[in-house]
Amino acid sequence: MSDKMRWRYGDTNHVVAAVGSSTEIEIGDLLWQDTNQAKPASDQADQGSDEDNQEAFTDSFLGVAMQRSRSGDTDPIRVATTGVFEFELEYLAALELGDLIGPRASDREGGGTILDNQRVEKVTESKYAVGRCSKRGTALTSVLVDIRSTVMTGGV
């Protein structure tokens, strides 16, 4: 995916996060905190199942990238820890206000699963969620998500 500003409205309450020089981050990526560095969702190690991947990500969810970081960059980036962001859905969905939303899990080439950096899906429990639906609709291809960083705000 390429850089896409996904912020739509609300206070972003940003933090400035360190990024490793080999880590690539695009604007709009869902990020998690690995020890002391921000990383995109797809960099998380496979936990064995979609639900386990989502739960591990949610446990360390930092926020949404507001700046990019290319391979070789060492400058920290701004990360939004709250706010309403528009994310793509893999499939058409009907969503209601308050529905729980988490990162989308996809098949990894060569086996296993990977989390998408900029796609989300409806999830069944808060332990898998990074936010809640903030605009209801049917046959949706994207969703407005009111995100809540687990690291900075305690999550959903």
N, C-alpha and C. Protein backbone atom coordinates (compact mmCIF):
# COMPACT_ATOMS: atom_id res chain seq x y z
N MET A 1 0.85 -1.19 0.00
CA MET A 1 0.00 0.00 0.00
C MET A 1 0.87 1.23 0.00
N SER A 2 0.34 2.26 -0.56
CA SER A 2 1.08 3.51 -0.55
C SER A 2 0.52 4.43 0.53
N ASP A 3 1.25 5.51 0.77
CA ASP A 3 0.82 6.48 1.77
C ASP A 3 -0.61 6.93 1.50
N LYS A 4 -1.43 6.92 2.55
CA LYS A 4 -2.79 7.41 2.43
C LYS A 4 -3.19 8.00 3.78
N MET A 5 -3.45 9.30 3.78
CA MET A 5 -3.88 9.95 5.01
C MET A 5 -5.29 9.47 5.31
N ARG A 6 -5.45 8.73 6.37
CA ARG A 6 -6.72 8.11 6.72
C ARG A 6 -7.49 8.88 7.79
N TRP A 7 -6.85 9.87 8.43
CA TRP A 7 -7.51 10.66 9.46
C TRP A 7 -8.66 11.44 8.85
N ARG A 8 -9.82 11.41 9.53
CA ARG A 8 -11.00 12.14 9.05
C ARG A 8 -11.42 13.23 10.01
N TYR A 9 -11.44 12.96 11.32
CA TYR A 9 -11.78 14.00 12.29
C TYR A 9 -11.45 13.52 13.71
N GLY A 10 -11.52 14.46 14.65
CA GLY A 10 -11.26 14.15 16.06
C GLY A 10 -9.82 14.41 16.44
N ASP A 11 -9.61 14.53 17.74
CA ASP A 11 -8.27 14.74 18.27
C ASP A 11 -7.41 13.50 18.04
N THR A 12 -6.21 13.73 17.51
CA THR A 12 -5.33 12.59 17.22
C THR A 12 -4.40 12.26 18.39
N ASN A 13 -4.22 13.19 19.33
CA ASN A 13 -3.34 12.94 20.48
C ASN A 13 -2.11 12.15 20.06
N HIS A 14 -1.29 12.78 19.25
CA HIS A 14 -0.14 12.06 18.69
C HIS A 14 1.02 11.94 19.68
N VAL A 15 1.82 10.93 19.44
CA VAL A 15 3.08 10.73 20.13
C VAL A 15 4.16 10.67 19.05
N VAL A 16 5.40 10.83 19.45
CA VAL A 16 6.52 10.70 18.54
C VAL A 16 7.22 9.39 18.89
N ALA A 17 7.26 8.48 17.92
CA ALA A 17 7.77 7.14 18.17
C ALA A 17 9.04 6.86 17.37
N ALA A 18 9.95 6.14 18.00
CA ALA A 18 11.18 5.71 17.34
C ALA A 18 10.84 4.62 16.31
N VAL A 19 11.63 4.60 15.24
CA VAL A 19 11.47 3.60 14.19
C VAL A 19 12.85 3.05 13.86
N GLY A 20 12.96 1.74 13.75
CA GLY A 20 14.23 1.12 13.37
C GLY A 20 14.62 1.47 11.94
N SER A 21 15.90 1.53 11.66
CA SER A 21 16.37 1.95 10.33
C SER A 21 15.95 0.98 9.23
N SER A 22 15.66 -0.26 9.55
CA SER A 22 15.26 -1.23 8.52
C SER A 22 13.74 -1.34 8.39
N THR A 23 12.99 -0.61 9.21
CA THR A 23 11.53 -0.69 9.19
C THR A 23 10.95 0.32 8.21
N GLU A 24 10.02 -0.15 7.36
CA GLU A 24 9.33 0.73 6.42
C GLU A 24 7.90 0.93 6.90
N ILE A 25 7.49 2.19 7.00
CA ILE A 25 6.15 2.55 7.45
C ILE A 25 5.56 3.54 6.47
N GLU A 26 4.31 3.32 6.10
CA GLU A 26 3.57 4.24 5.22
C GLU A 26 2.59 5.05 6.06
N ILE A 27 2.27 6.24 5.59
CA ILE A 27 1.22 7.03 6.23
C ILE A 27 -0.07 6.22 6.20
N GLY A 28 -0.74 6.11 7.34
CA GLY A 28 -1.99 5.35 7.42
C GLY A 28 -1.84 3.92 7.93
N ASP A 29 -0.60 3.47 8.13
CA ASP A 29 -0.39 2.12 8.65
C ASP A 29 -0.83 2.00 10.11
N LEU A 30 -1.43 0.87 10.45
CA LEU A 30 -1.68 0.52 11.84
C LEU A 30 -0.35 0.07 12.43
N LEU A 31 0.00 0.64 13.60
CA LEU A 31 1.31 0.38 14.19
C LEU A 31 1.20 -0.26 15.57
N TRP A 32 2.17 -1.09 15.90
CA TRP A 32 2.29 -1.67 17.23
C TRP A 32 3.66 -1.30 17.78
N GLN A 33 3.80 -1.37 19.09
CA GLN A 33 5.07 -1.04 19.73
C GLN A 33 5.81 -2.30 20.09
N ASP A 34 6.98 -2.47 19.49
CA ASP A 34 7.84 -3.60 19.77
C ASP A 34 8.99 -3.09 20.62
N THR A 35 8.97 -3.38 21.90
CA THR A 35 9.93 -2.87 22.88
C THR A 35 9.91 -1.34 22.86
N ASN A 36 10.79 -0.71 22.08
CA ASN A 36 10.82 0.75 22.06
C ASN A 36 10.72 1.33 20.66
N GLN A 37 10.20 0.56 19.70
CA GLN A 37 10.09 1.03 18.33
C GLN A 37 8.71 0.72 17.75
N ALA A 38 8.22 1.64 16.91
CA ALA A 38 6.96 1.43 16.20
C ALA A 38 7.20 0.55 14.98
N LYS A 39 6.25 -0.37 14.74
CA LYS A 39 6.34 -1.26 13.58
C LYS A 39 4.95 -1.43 12.98
N PRO A 40 4.87 -1.63 11.64
CA PRO A 40 3.57 -1.85 11.01
C PRO A 40 3.01 -3.23 11.36
N ALA A 41 1.70 -3.36 11.26
CA ALA A 41 1.02 -4.61 11.62
C ALA A 41 1.64 -5.83 10.94
N SER A 42 2.02 -5.71 9.67
CA SER A 42 2.54 -6.85 8.93
C SER A 42 3.90 -7.34 9.45
N ASP A 43 4.58 -6.53 10.26
CA ASP A 43 5.87 -6.94 10.82
C ASP A 43 5.74 -7.83 12.06
N GLN A 44 4.51 -7.96 12.56
CA GLN A 44 4.32 -8.82 13.74
C GLN A 44 4.51 -10.28 13.35
N ALA A 45 5.19 -11.04 14.18
CA ALA A 45 5.39 -12.47 13.93
C ALA A 45 4.05 -13.19 13.97
N ASP A 46 3.90 -14.19 13.13
CA ASP A 46 2.67 -14.98 13.08
C ASP A 46 2.49 -15.71 14.41
N GLN A 47 1.31 -15.56 14.99
CA GLN A 47 1.00 -16.18 16.28
C GLN A 47 0.27 -17.51 16.14
N GLY A 48 -0.01 -17.93 14.89
CA GLY A 48 -0.62 -19.24 14.66
C GLY A 48 -2.05 -19.22 14.19
N SER A 49 -2.80 -18.17 14.50
CA SER A 49 -4.19 -18.07 14.03
C SER A 49 -4.55 -16.60 13.86
N ASP A 50 -5.61 -16.35 13.10
CA ASP A 50 -6.07 -14.97 12.90
C ASP A 50 -6.34 -14.29 14.23
N GLU A 51 -7.08 -14.98 15.11
CA GLU A 51 -7.46 -14.39 16.40
C GLU A 51 -6.24 -14.13 17.28
N ASP A 52 -5.30 -15.07 17.31
CA ASP A 52 -4.09 -14.87 18.11
C ASP A 52 -3.26 -13.70 17.58
N ASN A 53 -3.20 -13.56 16.25
CA ASN A 53 -2.49 -12.43 15.65
C ASN A 53 -3.16 -11.11 16.04
N GLN A 54 -4.49 -11.06 15.94
CA GLN A 54 -5.22 -9.84 16.29
C GLN A 54 -5.06 -9.51 17.77
N GLU A 55 -5.13 -10.51 18.63
CA GLU A 55 -5.00 -10.26 20.06
C GLU A 55 -3.61 -9.75 20.42
N ALA A 56 -2.58 -10.35 19.86
CA ALA A 56 -1.21 -9.91 20.14
C ALA A 56 -1.00 -8.48 19.64
N PHE A 57 -1.56 -8.17 18.47
CA PHE A 57 -1.43 -6.81 17.94
C PHE A 57 -2.15 -5.82 18.84
N THR A 58 -3.38 -6.13 19.23
CA THR A 58 -4.16 -5.23 20.08
C THR A 58 -3.46 -4.97 21.40
N ASP A 59 -2.82 -5.98 21.96
CA ASP A 59 -2.11 -5.82 23.23
C ASP A 59 -1.02 -4.75 23.16
N SER A 60 -0.44 -4.54 21.96
CA SER A 60 0.65 -3.57 21.81
C SER A 60 0.32 -2.49 20.77
N PHE A 61 -0.98 -2.28 20.51
CA PHE A 61 -1.40 -1.30 19.50
C PHE A 61 -0.98 0.11 19.91
N LEU A 62 -0.18 0.75 19.07
CA LEU A 62 0.31 2.11 19.35
C LEU A 62 -0.58 3.16 18.70
N GLY A 63 -0.98 2.96 17.44
CA GLY A 63 -1.81 3.94 16.76
C GLY A 63 -1.67 3.86 15.26
N VAL A 64 -1.93 5.00 14.60
CA VAL A 64 -1.91 5.09 13.14
C VAL A 64 -0.79 6.05 12.73
N ALA A 65 0.03 5.62 11.76
CA ALA A 65 1.15 6.44 11.29
C ALA A 65 0.66 7.70 10.61
N MET A 66 1.17 8.84 11.06
CA MET A 66 0.86 10.13 10.44
C MET A 66 2.03 10.62 9.58
N GLN A 67 3.14 9.89 9.62
CA GLN A 67 4.31 10.17 8.79
C GLN A 67 4.87 8.85 8.30
N ARG A 68 5.62 8.91 7.21
CA ARG A 68 6.26 7.71 6.66
C ARG A 68 7.68 7.58 7.19
N SER A 69 8.19 6.37 7.09
CA SER A 69 9.58 6.10 7.40
C SER A 69 10.09 5.09 6.37
N ARG A 70 11.05 5.49 5.57
CA ARG A 70 11.61 4.61 4.56
C ARG A 70 12.77 3.79 5.14
N SER A 71 13.12 2.73 4.48
CA SER A 71 14.26 1.93 4.90
C SER A 71 15.50 2.82 4.93
N GLY A 72 16.21 2.77 6.04
CA GLY A 72 17.39 3.60 6.22
C GLY A 72 17.13 4.87 7.02
N ASP A 73 15.86 5.28 7.12
CA ASP A 73 15.53 6.47 7.93
C ASP A 73 15.69 6.14 9.41
N THR A 74 16.14 7.13 10.17
CA THR A 74 16.28 6.93 11.61
C THR A 74 15.50 7.97 12.41
N ASP A 75 14.82 8.89 11.71
CA ASP A 75 14.04 9.92 12.40
C ASP A 75 12.78 9.31 12.99
N PRO A 76 12.38 9.73 14.19
CA PRO A 76 11.10 9.27 14.76
C PRO A 76 9.93 9.85 13.95
N ILE A 77 8.76 9.23 14.09
CA ILE A 77 7.57 9.67 13.34
C ILE A 77 6.42 9.97 14.30
N ARG A 78 5.47 10.80 13.82
CA ARG A 78 4.25 11.08 14.57
C ARG A 78 3.27 9.93 14.39
N VAL A 79 2.66 9.53 15.50
CA VAL A 79 1.68 8.44 15.50
C VAL A 79 0.43 8.93 16.23
N ALA A 80 -0.73 8.84 15.58
CA ALA A 80 -1.99 9.22 16.21
C ALA A 80 -2.44 8.09 17.12
N THR A 81 -2.78 8.43 18.37
CA THR A 81 -3.21 7.41 19.33
C THR A 81 -4.73 7.41 19.52
N THR A 82 -5.40 8.43 19.01
CA THR A 82 -6.86 8.52 19.03
C THR A 82 -7.30 9.22 17.76
N GLY A 83 -8.60 9.29 17.54
CA GLY A 83 -9.16 9.97 16.37
C GLY A 83 -9.98 9.02 15.54
N VAL A 84 -10.65 9.58 14.54
CA VAL A 84 -11.46 8.77 13.63
C VAL A 84 -10.74 8.68 12.29
N PHE A 85 -10.52 7.45 11.85
CA PHE A 85 -9.78 7.16 10.63
C PHE A 85 -10.63 6.29 9.71
N GLU A 86 -10.46 6.47 8.41
CA GLU A 86 -11.18 5.65 7.44
C GLU A 86 -10.27 4.55 6.92
N PHE A 87 -10.70 3.30 7.11
CA PHE A 87 -9.94 2.15 6.64
C PHE A 87 -10.76 1.33 5.67
N GLU A 88 -10.06 0.66 4.77
CA GLU A 88 -10.70 -0.21 3.79
C GLU A 88 -11.10 -1.52 4.44
N LEU A 89 -12.19 -2.08 3.92
CA LEU A 89 -12.65 -3.41 4.31
C LEU A 89 -12.36 -4.36 3.15
N GLU A 90 -11.99 -5.58 3.44
CA GLU A 90 -11.71 -6.57 2.39
C GLU A 90 -13.00 -6.98 1.68
N TYR A 91 -14.07 -7.10 2.43
CA TYR A 91 -15.34 -7.56 1.89
C TYR A 91 -16.43 -6.56 2.23
N LEU A 92 -17.52 -6.55 1.46
CA LEU A 92 -18.66 -5.71 1.80
C LEU A 92 -19.16 -6.07 3.17
N ALA A 93 -19.51 -5.07 3.96
CA ALA A 93 -19.93 -5.35 5.33
C ALA A 93 -21.07 -4.42 5.74
N ALA A 94 -21.90 -4.91 6.64
CA ALA A 94 -22.92 -4.09 7.31
C ALA A 94 -22.42 -3.86 8.72
N LEU A 95 -22.30 -2.60 9.11
CA LEU A 95 -21.76 -2.27 10.42
C LEU A 95 -22.67 -1.29 11.14
N GLU A 96 -22.74 -1.44 12.44
CA GLU A 96 -23.51 -0.56 13.30
C GLU A 96 -22.56 0.26 14.16
N LEU A 97 -23.05 1.39 14.66
CA LEU A 97 -22.27 2.20 15.58
C LEU A 97 -21.79 1.35 16.75
N GLY A 98 -20.53 1.49 17.08
CA GLY A 98 -19.97 0.77 18.22
C GLY A 98 -19.45 -0.61 17.92
N ASP A 99 -19.70 -1.15 16.71
CA ASP A 99 -19.13 -2.46 16.38
C ASP A 99 -17.62 -2.42 16.55
N LEU A 100 -17.07 -3.50 17.06
CA LEU A 100 -15.63 -3.60 17.28
C LEU A 100 -14.91 -3.85 15.96
N ILE A 101 -13.80 -3.15 15.77
CA ILE A 101 -13.02 -3.24 14.53
C ILE A 101 -11.58 -3.57 14.88
N GLY A 102 -11.01 -4.54 14.15
CA GLY A 102 -9.62 -4.93 14.36
C GLY A 102 -8.88 -5.03 13.04
N PRO A 103 -7.56 -5.26 13.09
CA PRO A 103 -6.79 -5.39 11.86
C PRO A 103 -7.21 -6.64 11.09
N ARG A 104 -7.18 -6.56 9.78
CA ARG A 104 -7.56 -7.69 8.92
C ARG A 104 -6.42 -8.68 8.84
N ALA A 105 -6.73 -9.95 9.02
CA ALA A 105 -5.75 -11.02 8.88
C ALA A 105 -5.86 -11.60 7.48
N SER A 106 -4.72 -11.81 6.83
CA SER A 106 -4.66 -12.37 5.48
C SER A 106 -3.71 -13.55 5.46
N ASP A 107 -3.81 -14.37 4.43
CA ASP A 107 -2.89 -15.49 4.27
C ASP A 107 -1.52 -14.97 3.88
N ARG A 108 -0.50 -15.51 4.51
CA ARG A 108 0.88 -15.14 4.21
C ARG A 108 1.39 -16.07 3.11
N GLU A 109 2.13 -15.52 2.16
CA GLU A 109 2.74 -16.36 1.14
C GLU A 109 3.64 -17.37 1.82
N GLY A 110 3.50 -18.62 1.45
CA GLY A 110 4.31 -19.66 2.06
C GLY A 110 3.70 -20.25 3.33
N GLY A 111 2.48 -19.80 3.67
CA GLY A 111 1.80 -20.35 4.83
C GLY A 111 1.73 -19.39 6.00
N GLY A 112 0.76 -19.63 6.87
CA GLY A 112 0.57 -18.77 8.03
C GLY A 112 -0.28 -17.56 7.69
N THR A 113 -0.43 -16.67 8.67
CA THR A 113 -1.23 -15.47 8.45
C THR A 113 -0.42 -14.23 8.78
N ILE A 114 -0.85 -13.12 8.22
CA ILE A 114 -0.21 -11.83 8.40
C ILE A 114 -1.32 -10.80 8.60
N LEU A 115 -1.05 -9.76 9.34
CA LEU A 115 -2.02 -8.69 9.50
C LEU A 115 -1.78 -7.62 8.43
N ASP A 116 -2.87 -7.09 7.88
CA ASP A 116 -2.76 -6.02 6.90
C ASP A 116 -2.44 -4.71 7.60
N ASN A 117 -1.62 -3.89 6.97
CA ASN A 117 -1.24 -2.61 7.55
C ASN A 117 -2.36 -1.57 7.48
N GLN A 118 -3.23 -1.66 6.47
CA GLN A 118 -4.22 -0.61 6.27
C GLN A 118 -5.62 -1.14 5.96
N ARG A 119 -5.89 -2.39 6.29
CA ARG A 119 -7.24 -2.95 6.15
C ARG A 119 -7.72 -3.46 7.48
N VAL A 120 -9.04 -3.36 7.69
CA VAL A 120 -9.62 -3.79 8.96
C VAL A 120 -10.82 -4.68 8.70
N GLU A 121 -11.37 -5.25 9.79
CA GLU A 121 -12.57 -6.07 9.70
C GLU A 121 -13.29 -6.02 11.05
N LYS A 122 -14.56 -6.40 11.02
CA LYS A 122 -15.34 -6.49 12.25
C LYS A 122 -14.82 -7.67 13.05
N VAL A 123 -14.64 -7.47 14.37
CA VAL A 123 -14.19 -8.54 15.24
C VAL A 123 -15.23 -8.77 16.34
N THR A 124 -15.11 -9.91 17.02
CA THR A 124 -16.16 -10.31 17.95
C THR A 124 -15.92 -9.90 19.39
N GLU A 125 -14.66 -9.62 19.76
CA GLU A 125 -14.37 -9.28 21.16
C GLU A 125 -13.38 -8.12 21.22
N SER A 126 -13.44 -7.36 22.29
CA SER A 126 -12.56 -6.19 22.43
C SER A 126 -11.08 -6.56 22.46
N LYS A 127 -10.75 -7.79 22.84
CA LYS A 127 -9.34 -8.19 22.88
C LYS A 127 -8.72 -8.27 21.49
N TYR A 128 -9.57 -8.22 20.44
CA TYR A 128 -9.09 -8.23 19.05
C TYR A 128 -9.21 -6.85 18.39
N ALA A 129 -9.74 -5.86 19.09
CA ALA A 129 -10.14 -4.58 18.48
C ALA A 129 -9.14 -3.45 18.74
N VAL A 130 -9.03 -2.57 17.74
CA VAL A 130 -8.24 -1.34 17.86
C VAL A 130 -9.15 -0.12 17.91
N GLY A 131 -10.45 -0.33 17.70
CA GLY A 131 -11.40 0.78 17.71
C GLY A 131 -12.82 0.30 17.51
N ARG A 132 -13.70 1.30 17.34
CA ARG A 132 -15.13 1.02 17.13
C ARG A 132 -15.64 1.77 15.91
N CYS A 133 -16.62 1.17 15.25
CA CYS A 133 -17.26 1.79 14.09
C CYS A 133 -17.94 3.09 14.53
N SER A 134 -17.68 4.18 13.80
CA SER A 134 -18.28 5.46 14.17
C SER A 134 -19.26 5.98 13.11
N LYS A 135 -19.56 5.16 12.09
CA LYS A 135 -20.61 5.51 11.12
C LYS A 135 -21.19 4.21 10.57
N ARG A 136 -22.46 4.00 10.83
CA ARG A 136 -23.12 2.76 10.43
C ARG A 136 -23.39 2.76 8.93
N GLY A 137 -23.63 1.56 8.39
CA GLY A 137 -23.98 1.45 6.98
C GLY A 137 -24.07 0.01 6.55
N THR A 138 -24.59 -0.19 5.34
CA THR A 138 -24.68 -1.53 4.76
C THR A 138 -23.89 -1.55 3.46
N ALA A 139 -23.42 -2.70 3.05
CA ALA A 139 -22.62 -2.88 1.85
C ALA A 139 -21.44 -1.91 1.82
N LEU A 140 -20.78 -1.77 2.94
CA LEU A 140 -19.65 -0.85 3.07
C LEU A 140 -18.37 -1.45 2.49
N THR A 141 -17.57 -0.61 1.84
CA THR A 141 -16.24 -1.00 1.38
C THR A 141 -15.15 -0.34 2.23
N SER A 142 -15.57 0.61 3.06
CA SER A 142 -14.66 1.24 4.01
C SER A 142 -15.46 1.58 5.26
N VAL A 143 -14.74 1.86 6.35
CA VAL A 143 -15.40 2.12 7.62
C VAL A 143 -14.66 3.24 8.36
N LEU A 144 -15.41 4.09 9.04
CA LEU A 144 -14.82 5.07 9.93
C LEU A 144 -14.62 4.41 11.28
N VAL A 145 -13.38 4.44 11.77
CA VAL A 145 -13.03 3.75 13.01
C VAL A 145 -12.50 4.77 14.01
N ASP A 146 -13.13 4.80 15.18
CA ASP A 146 -12.66 5.62 16.28
C ASP A 146 -11.61 4.79 17.02
N ILE A 147 -10.32 5.07 16.75
CA ILE A 147 -9.25 4.24 17.31
C ILE A 147 -8.90 4.66 18.73
N ARG A 148 -8.37 3.69 19.48
CA ARG A 148 -7.88 3.91 20.84
C ARG A 148 -6.62 3.07 21.04
N SER A 149 -5.49 3.75 21.16
CA SER A 149 -4.22 3.07 21.38
C SER A 149 -4.24 2.31 22.71
N THR A 150 -3.86 1.05 22.67
CA THR A 150 -3.75 0.28 23.91
C THR A 150 -2.56 0.77 24.73
N VAL A 151 -1.47 1.07 24.06
CA VAL A 151 -0.26 1.52 24.74
C VAL A 151 -0.49 2.85 25.45
N MET A 152 -1.20 3.79 24.81
CA MET A 152 -1.32 5.14 25.36
C MET A 152 -2.62 5.41 26.10
N THR A 153 -3.70 4.72 25.75
CA THR A 153 -4.99 5.02 26.37
C THR A 153 -5.66 3.82 27.03
N GLY A 154 -5.06 2.66 26.93
CA GLY A 154 -5.66 1.46 27.51
C GLY A 154 -6.57 0.71 26.55
N GLY A 155 -6.73 1.22 25.33
CA GLY A 155 -7.49 0.51 24.30
C GLY A 155 -8.96 0.78 24.32
N VAL A 156 -9.68 -0.07 23.60
CA VAL A 156 -11.12 0.07 23.40
C VAL A 156 -11.86 -0.15 24.71
